Protein backbone atom coordinates (compact mmCIF):
# COMPACT_ATOMS: atom_id res chain seq x y z
CA MET A 1 -41.66 5.81 -17.42
CA SER A 2 -44.10 3.11 -16.37
CA VAL A 3 -42.78 -0.21 -15.12
CA THR A 4 -44.64 -3.38 -16.08
CA THR A 5 -45.03 -5.78 -13.18
CA THR A 6 -46.84 -9.05 -12.68
CA TYR A 7 -48.56 -9.88 -9.41
CA ARG A 8 -50.03 -13.05 -7.96
CA THR A 9 -52.53 -13.13 -5.11
CA CYS A 10 -52.08 -16.04 -2.73
CA PRO A 11 -55.47 -17.79 -2.40
CA ARG A 12 -54.80 -18.76 1.23
CA SER A 13 -53.25 -15.64 2.74
CA GLY A 14 -54.57 -13.01 0.35
CA LEU A 15 -51.07 -11.52 0.12
CA GLN A 16 -49.96 -10.06 -3.17
CA PHE A 17 -46.65 -11.29 -4.59
CA GLU A 18 -44.78 -9.48 -7.33
CA ASN A 19 -43.29 -12.03 -9.73
CA GLN A 20 -39.60 -11.10 -9.52
CA ALA A 21 -39.76 -10.57 -5.77
CA GLU A 22 -41.42 -13.95 -5.24
CA TRP A 23 -38.73 -15.78 -7.19
CA LEU A 24 -36.01 -13.92 -5.30
CA MET A 25 -37.63 -14.88 -1.99
CA LYS A 26 -37.85 -18.51 -3.02
CA ALA A 27 -34.29 -18.62 -4.32
CA ASN A 28 -32.73 -17.05 -1.23
CA ALA A 29 -34.85 -19.08 1.18
CA PHE A 30 -34.10 -22.32 -0.69
CA VAL A 31 -30.34 -21.80 -0.71
CA GLY A 32 -30.47 -20.75 2.94
CA VAL A 33 -32.23 -24.00 3.86
CA VAL A 34 -29.68 -25.95 1.81
CA TRP A 35 -26.87 -24.45 3.90
CA LEU A 36 -28.88 -25.19 7.05
CA LEU A 37 -29.19 -28.82 5.94
CA ILE A 38 -25.49 -29.09 5.13
CA GLY A 39 -24.55 -27.45 8.41
CA GLY A 40 -26.91 -29.79 10.27
CA LEU A 41 -25.40 -32.87 8.64
CA LEU A 42 -21.92 -31.63 9.52
CA ALA A 43 -23.10 -31.15 13.10
CA ILE A 44 -23.73 -34.89 13.30
CA GLY A 45 -20.06 -35.47 12.56
CA VAL A 46 -19.09 -32.94 15.22
CA VAL A 47 -21.33 -34.53 17.86
CA LEU A 48 -20.29 -38.11 17.09
CA THR A 49 -16.64 -37.11 17.30
CA ARG A 50 -17.07 -35.27 20.60
CA TRP A 51 -18.85 -38.35 21.98
CA PRO A 52 -15.98 -40.33 23.56
CA ALA A 53 -17.62 -43.69 22.94
CA VAL A 54 -17.74 -43.06 19.19
CA HIS A 55 -14.96 -40.55 18.37
CA TRP A 56 -15.88 -40.83 14.69
CA LEU A 57 -13.57 -38.39 12.90
CA GLU A 58 -9.81 -37.97 13.02
CA ALA A 59 -8.52 -34.61 14.26
CA ASP A 60 -7.81 -33.08 10.84
CA THR A 61 -11.20 -34.07 9.47
CA PHE A 62 -12.97 -32.97 12.65
CA TYR A 63 -11.66 -29.41 12.45
CA MET A 64 -12.42 -29.24 8.74
CA VAL A 65 -16.02 -30.31 9.42
CA LEU A 66 -16.31 -27.97 12.40
CA THR A 67 -15.10 -25.01 10.32
CA ALA A 68 -17.67 -25.64 7.58
CA HIS A 69 -20.42 -26.29 10.13
CA GLY A 70 -19.84 -22.97 11.89
CA ILE A 71 -19.74 -20.84 8.76
CA ASP A 72 -22.66 -22.57 7.05
CA MET A 73 -24.93 -22.37 10.09
CA LEU A 74 -23.98 -19.00 11.56
CA ILE A 75 -23.34 -16.93 8.44
CA PHE A 76 -24.63 -18.42 5.19
CA TRP A 77 -27.93 -19.91 6.38
CA ILE A 78 -28.85 -16.90 8.50
CA ILE A 79 -28.10 -14.21 5.94
CA PHE A 80 -29.59 -16.02 2.92
CA PHE A 81 -32.84 -16.49 4.81
CA GLU A 82 -32.81 -12.93 6.09
CA ILE A 83 -32.55 -11.60 2.54
CA ALA A 84 -35.66 -13.61 1.67
CA VAL A 85 -37.42 -12.03 4.67
CA LEU A 86 -36.31 -8.55 3.59
CA TYR A 87 -37.77 -8.95 0.10
CA PHE A 88 -41.01 -10.27 1.58
CA ALA A 89 -41.28 -7.44 4.11
CA ALA A 90 -40.63 -4.77 1.49
CA SER A 91 -42.33 -6.05 -1.65
CA THR A 92 -45.17 -8.25 -0.44
CA LEU A 93 -46.23 -6.44 2.71
CA LEU A 94 -46.02 -3.03 1.02
CA ARG A 95 -47.62 -4.36 -2.21
CA CYS A 96 -44.73 -3.00 -4.22
CA ARG A 97 -42.52 -4.12 -7.08
CA ILE A 98 -38.96 -5.05 -6.20
CA ALA A 99 -36.41 -2.35 -6.92
CA THR A 100 -33.76 -3.27 -9.52
CA PRO A 101 -34.51 -7.01 -9.87
CA LYS A 102 -31.48 -7.58 -12.11
CA ILE A 103 -29.20 -6.21 -9.41
CA ALA A 104 -31.02 -8.37 -6.85
CA TRP A 105 -30.25 -11.46 -8.94
CA LEU A 106 -26.62 -10.34 -9.25
CA ALA A 107 -26.49 -10.08 -5.46
CA PHE A 108 -27.92 -13.59 -5.16
CA ALA A 109 -25.34 -14.94 -7.62
CA LEU A 110 -22.48 -13.34 -5.67
CA MET A 111 -23.77 -14.84 -2.44
CA VAL A 112 -24.07 -18.31 -3.95
CA ILE A 113 -20.64 -18.16 -5.60
CA GLY A 114 -19.04 -16.83 -2.42
CA SER A 115 -20.59 -19.42 -0.13
CA VAL A 116 -19.71 -22.31 -2.46
CA LEU A 117 -16.15 -21.02 -2.94
CA ASN A 118 -15.67 -20.77 0.81
CA ASN A 119 -16.90 -24.31 1.38
CA TYR A 120 -14.75 -25.56 -1.49
CA ALA A 121 -11.70 -24.04 0.19
CA VAL A 122 -12.61 -25.63 3.51
CA PHE A 123 -13.20 -29.11 2.12
CA ARG A 124 -9.90 -29.02 0.25
CA GLY A 125 -8.46 -29.51 3.72
CA ALA A 126 -6.13 -26.51 3.91
CA SER A 127 -8.53 -24.06 5.58
CA SER A 128 -9.52 -25.68 8.87
CA VAL A 129 -9.26 -22.39 10.75
CA MET A 130 -12.67 -22.55 12.45
CA MET A 131 -15.38 -19.98 11.79
CA THR A 132 -13.38 -17.24 13.51
CA SER A 133 -10.29 -17.85 11.32
CA TYR A 134 -8.02 -16.01 13.75
CA VAL A 135 -4.73 -14.83 12.29
CA PRO A 136 -1.87 -15.74 12.17
CA MET A 137 -3.49 -19.16 11.57
CA MET A 138 -4.13 -18.83 7.85
CA ALA A 139 -6.54 -20.42 5.39
CA GLU A 140 -6.04 -20.50 1.65
CA PRO A 141 -6.98 -17.28 -0.21
CA ASN A 142 -10.25 -18.66 -1.62
CA PHE A 143 -11.57 -19.10 1.92
CA TYR A 144 -11.46 -15.35 2.47
CA LEU A 145 -12.41 -14.48 -1.10
CA GLY A 146 -15.57 -16.55 -0.76
CA ILE A 147 -16.62 -14.63 2.35
CA ILE A 148 -15.85 -11.32 0.63
CA LEU A 149 -17.98 -12.18 -2.42
CA PHE A 150 -20.79 -13.34 -0.16
CA ALA A 151 -20.62 -10.15 1.90
CA VAL A 152 -20.67 -7.93 -1.19
CA GLY A 153 -23.70 -9.79 -2.52
CA ALA A 154 -25.52 -9.50 0.80
CA LEU A 155 -24.75 -5.76 1.01
CA VAL A 156 -26.13 -5.27 -2.50
CA ALA A 157 -29.26 -7.23 -1.52
CA CYS A 158 -29.74 -4.96 1.49
CA GLY A 159 -29.43 -2.02 -0.88
CA VAL A 160 -32.20 -3.50 -3.04
CA PHE A 161 -34.35 -3.79 0.09
CA PHE A 162 -33.77 -0.14 0.97
CA GLY A 163 -34.48 0.79 -2.64
CA THR A 164 -37.76 -1.11 -2.56
CA LEU A 165 -38.83 0.87 0.51
CA VAL A 166 -38.13 4.05 -1.45
CA VAL A 167 -40.15 2.78 -4.42
CA ALA A 168 -43.08 1.91 -2.15
CA LYS A 169 -43.00 5.35 -0.57
CA ARG A 170 -42.71 7.12 -3.91
CA GLU A 171 -45.48 5.10 -5.54
CA LYS A 172 -47.68 5.41 -2.42
CA THR A 173 -48.41 1.71 -2.12
CA TYR A 174 -49.16 2.15 1.60
CA GLU A 175 -50.42 4.89 3.90
CA GLY A 176 -48.93 6.13 7.14
CA SER A 177 -46.05 4.24 8.73
CA VAL A 178 -44.67 0.99 7.40
CA PRO A 179 -46.09 -2.19 9.00
CA LEU A 180 -44.41 -3.38 12.18
CA VAL A 181 -43.01 -6.44 10.40
CA THR A 182 -41.41 -4.24 7.74
CA PHE A 183 -39.97 -2.00 10.45
CA GLY A 184 -38.46 -5.07 12.12
CA ALA A 185 -36.97 -6.15 8.81
CA LEU A 186 -35.54 -2.66 8.38
CA THR A 187 -33.89 -3.04 11.78
CA ALA A 188 -32.42 -6.38 10.70
CA ALA A 189 -31.15 -4.83 7.46
CA ILE A 190 -29.42 -1.99 9.30
CA ILE A 191 -27.72 -4.49 11.60
CA ALA A 192 -26.79 -6.56 8.55
CA VAL A 193 -25.07 -3.61 6.90
CA PHE A 194 -23.01 -2.99 10.05
CA THR A 195 -22.23 -6.71 10.29
CA LEU A 196 -21.13 -7.08 6.68
CA VAL A 197 -19.07 -3.90 6.62
CA SER A 198 -17.33 -4.99 9.83
CA GLY A 199 -16.57 -8.34 8.25
CA ALA A 200 -15.18 -6.69 5.13
CA LEU A 201 -12.95 -4.42 7.20
CA ILE A 202 -11.11 -7.41 8.62
CA ILE A 203 -11.61 -10.23 6.09
CA VAL A 204 -10.18 -8.19 3.20
CA PRO A 205 -6.88 -7.61 5.08
CA ALA A 206 -6.83 -11.31 6.03
CA TRP A 207 -7.26 -12.22 2.36
CA LEU A 208 -4.37 -9.92 1.44
CA MET A 209 -2.34 -11.50 4.23
CA SER A 210 -3.04 -14.96 2.80
CA LEU A 211 -1.62 -13.68 -0.50
CA GLY A 212 1.51 -12.45 1.29
CA MET A 213 0.73 -8.80 0.63
CA MET A 214 0.42 -7.49 4.21
CA GLU A 215 0.35 -8.42 7.89
CA VAL A 216 -2.63 -8.19 10.25
CA ASP A 217 -2.36 -7.66 13.99
CA PRO A 218 -4.04 -10.65 15.74
CA LEU A 219 -5.63 -8.50 18.48
CA VAL A 220 -7.08 -6.06 15.97
CA TYR A 221 -8.37 -8.97 13.91
CA ARG A 222 -10.18 -10.57 16.87
CA THR A 223 -11.71 -7.28 17.99
CA VAL A 224 -13.08 -6.35 14.58
CA TRP A 225 -14.10 -9.90 13.68
CA TRP A 226 -16.47 -10.09 16.62
CA ALA A 227 -18.27 -7.01 15.35
CA LEU A 228 -19.23 -9.45 12.60
CA GLY A 229 -19.67 -12.50 14.82
CA HIS A 230 -21.90 -11.04 17.52
CA SER A 231 -24.00 -8.74 15.37
CA SER A 232 -24.73 -11.51 12.85
CA GLN A 233 -26.77 -13.19 15.58
CA GLN A 234 -28.77 -10.01 16.10
CA ILE A 235 -29.75 -10.05 12.42
CA ASN A 236 -31.30 -13.42 13.13
CA VAL A 237 -33.09 -12.18 16.25
CA ALA A 238 -34.54 -9.09 14.55
CA ALA A 239 -35.71 -11.04 11.50
CA HIS A 240 -37.26 -13.83 13.56
CA VAL A 241 -39.10 -11.47 15.90
CA SER A 242 -40.50 -9.71 12.83
CA VAL A 243 -41.75 -13.00 11.39
CA TRP A 244 -43.27 -13.99 14.74
CA TYR A 245 -45.31 -10.78 14.73
CA LEU A 246 -46.50 -11.64 11.23
CA VAL A 247 -47.68 -15.15 12.04
CA ALA A 248 -48.98 -14.44 15.55
């Protein structure tokens, strides 16, 4: 069965953008930059409070702001923008339609809902547990639920990226190996899957703990959480190096 797609050729770069893929890139990049902006504004509060001459925020407010700053800058901004890079590297560079655009939009919606829900929980004032949220220091359930929804959405988006690579290969939109930038994005996506699965393995139990349904060993939590924390930075590195090769 043939699939009808609409393409636009950029007059400056000559790159070919498939309509659904382009909108998905714009949406993910835009929301990522919004979280970067919010995280940056929150950073001002952190800096002005740490500056002894100013000491702007009271302790409770400071830790609330610091929690939101860490999550928005180190998780939401990075992964939203990486998803935009993945769609670009698969669809645009391989001159291919996006695989399952409806599922890609569902993934985007889950990521937006999850990130907003998490921030809502933080700014209610009862979830100032820092980005690491070490147990037994507990946040309210929506804090963890927001991260879970975001992670599920990001995993689905990575699946759409992998699916788009399959579509490109099957429809022979390129010859030989994938471009280096696409290979770098593939590396970032593989790291992202490991990162998100690691996060789910420990955030889901923490969510259940916040509901009073189970207990989580603090040492196990810290060990598994940093599989999320450290590898999330490598997503950023892999994606950025890929983009540098593109623009160099």
